[in-house]
């Protein structure tokens, strides 16, 4: 067993320790909470370390014994005899990238006394590639102190480099401590992609992404975000491919209802599964997919009436797919039942059978809106007699819960039609399903007259500029800014940035936000090295901003089905949101956005009395005044 193992002495070094008030003062409750914490961390290290796709237990006995033997040989001074331990686990850590080791394991065991509990973790590498996880032995412990506080400590078996130490102390320790403090012992831990083999899923996703996804993202012609939509559909395709493999199924036929850009249909076709995508509006990229000689993909433009027999004229299919199918979401199981098909359903925008899902509707545990929407959809699937499994996808979205409904061996219920009628006529009336129009009128303030937009933007900007300045210790790097941009580099005194390589960025997160300015002096570093003051203005609540609008300005905003907040969000180059209100966007602190080329004029260069806080060579926008 080869790897990056090292000989260590038997002294643990405290890296970080914190004492917090604990609601769990009972030793038994502390013990149970710590055990649960260790179980979660063993099973879900990918939730903190973004280099990982997941962890896998249940290894073959011979492989498990080899890994344990290697750990004992290399870390014997730190480890008791593993044969005397009652809680020893070996996990294979699965990397997202083939740059890292495919033979990475972590051995862990628990050690506890009446008031103190610890878990030690030891890395084992069986090939010559790099470890994607923690590369040295480490230990976490929780001790209930006499005053009732809980002491949580992170230790390592040797010194580690600054990058690893920073991640352990600034990311891992606070995350595990937060989990421990907020532990709910009666809450079920949700595991992602539990219905498929995680290792094969990670390999399939990586292959689809590398083979098709990156080129599609680079040449994506739609206006939607390529990084989100392309790689999200790569992940969904990988999941379905592995799901059908694990179910022992060969090539499947399918219909994707409300397929949108059709990418999922295209990817599944490339993976050997035959299907079509239906949507009420043609997308530009369909022509590209249909012209590919490697597939026979087809996209009929069709407005589906799910209350009838919408699929009668289509070829027989094994599966119906509802991928963010909006108003058709509750109808997917109904249509699957009518056509005797299995289904895959990924809910997004909450709809019931005939309109928006009521926000005030509560589930059994008292939650509202989307958390209560998932049980609502599940109840439809169950009432129709399907065998239903619920899973959680690994996609860049907050709406990740999905349902897999399969026809039982004994078939669907004999009274299926009566069940469908009961479900779809639950209000006692017989409403009609109304599909959205093929051409939707966009009314979100972007079609307001250009002169009106310019004048209102300048008016609101001047209002904020004249407001009481924000103090220099205001935290604007907490992630609460509405654009959700993540930190990517560290500030250096000269006003430039110290780059963080992409490998470490995936694991060592979050990092400080890119900064072009000196936050202490509240100044901007110019190209010549001199400093100039740049006024940031103040922060004003949305309600106070609204009081300054004239009746005509309010009328024009409302005529576009929008309001002041919609308008301000559209002017994202100029304004940003915090929890306390709206403010002038501080490009000094957030740095330039990443763009291949400059296309738009810099608003600050033309309108701010101090000009743009960024120099022309780093500003995302053109430093040219409009003619």
Foldseek 3Di string as FASTA:
>chain_A
DDDDFAAFAADWAFLDKDKDFAPPLDLVVLVLLVVVLVVCCQFAVCVFFVQFLTKDFPDDPVVVVVQVVVCCVRHVSHDDPPVPAPAKTKIQTHGLDPQAANAKIKIKGWDDDSFKIKMKIAIDGDDYHHHSDQHFIKMWMWGQDPVNIIMITIITRDDDDPLNSLQVVVGVRVVSVVCSRPPDSPDDDADFLPLFDSNQLSVQLSCLCVVPLVVCQVVPPDPDRSVAPSSQLSSVLSSVVRNCVVVVHDAFEEEEEQCVLVNNQLSSQLVPHHYEYEEQADDPCVVVSCPDPSGNYDYDNDDAFLVDQRCPPPDQGQEYEYDCVAQCQLSRLVNCQVSVHKYKGQHDQAHANAGHDDQCDADPVGDGDPVRRVVVSVVSLVLFPWDKDWHFTPHPDPRGIMIITHADPVGTDPCNVVSVCCRCCVVVDNDGHDTDDNDDDQQLPPPFDPVLLVVLLLVLQVVQLPADADDLPDDPFPQQKVVSDAAAFDDDVQQATDGDDPSSPSGRDDDFARASDDSVVCWGQEPVRDTDHAGWGHFDAPVVSVVPDDPVSQVSNVVSVYGDVSSQVVVVLFWIAGPRHITGDDCRRRFADDDPAADAARPQQARPPVHDSDYQVGHNYHNDDDD
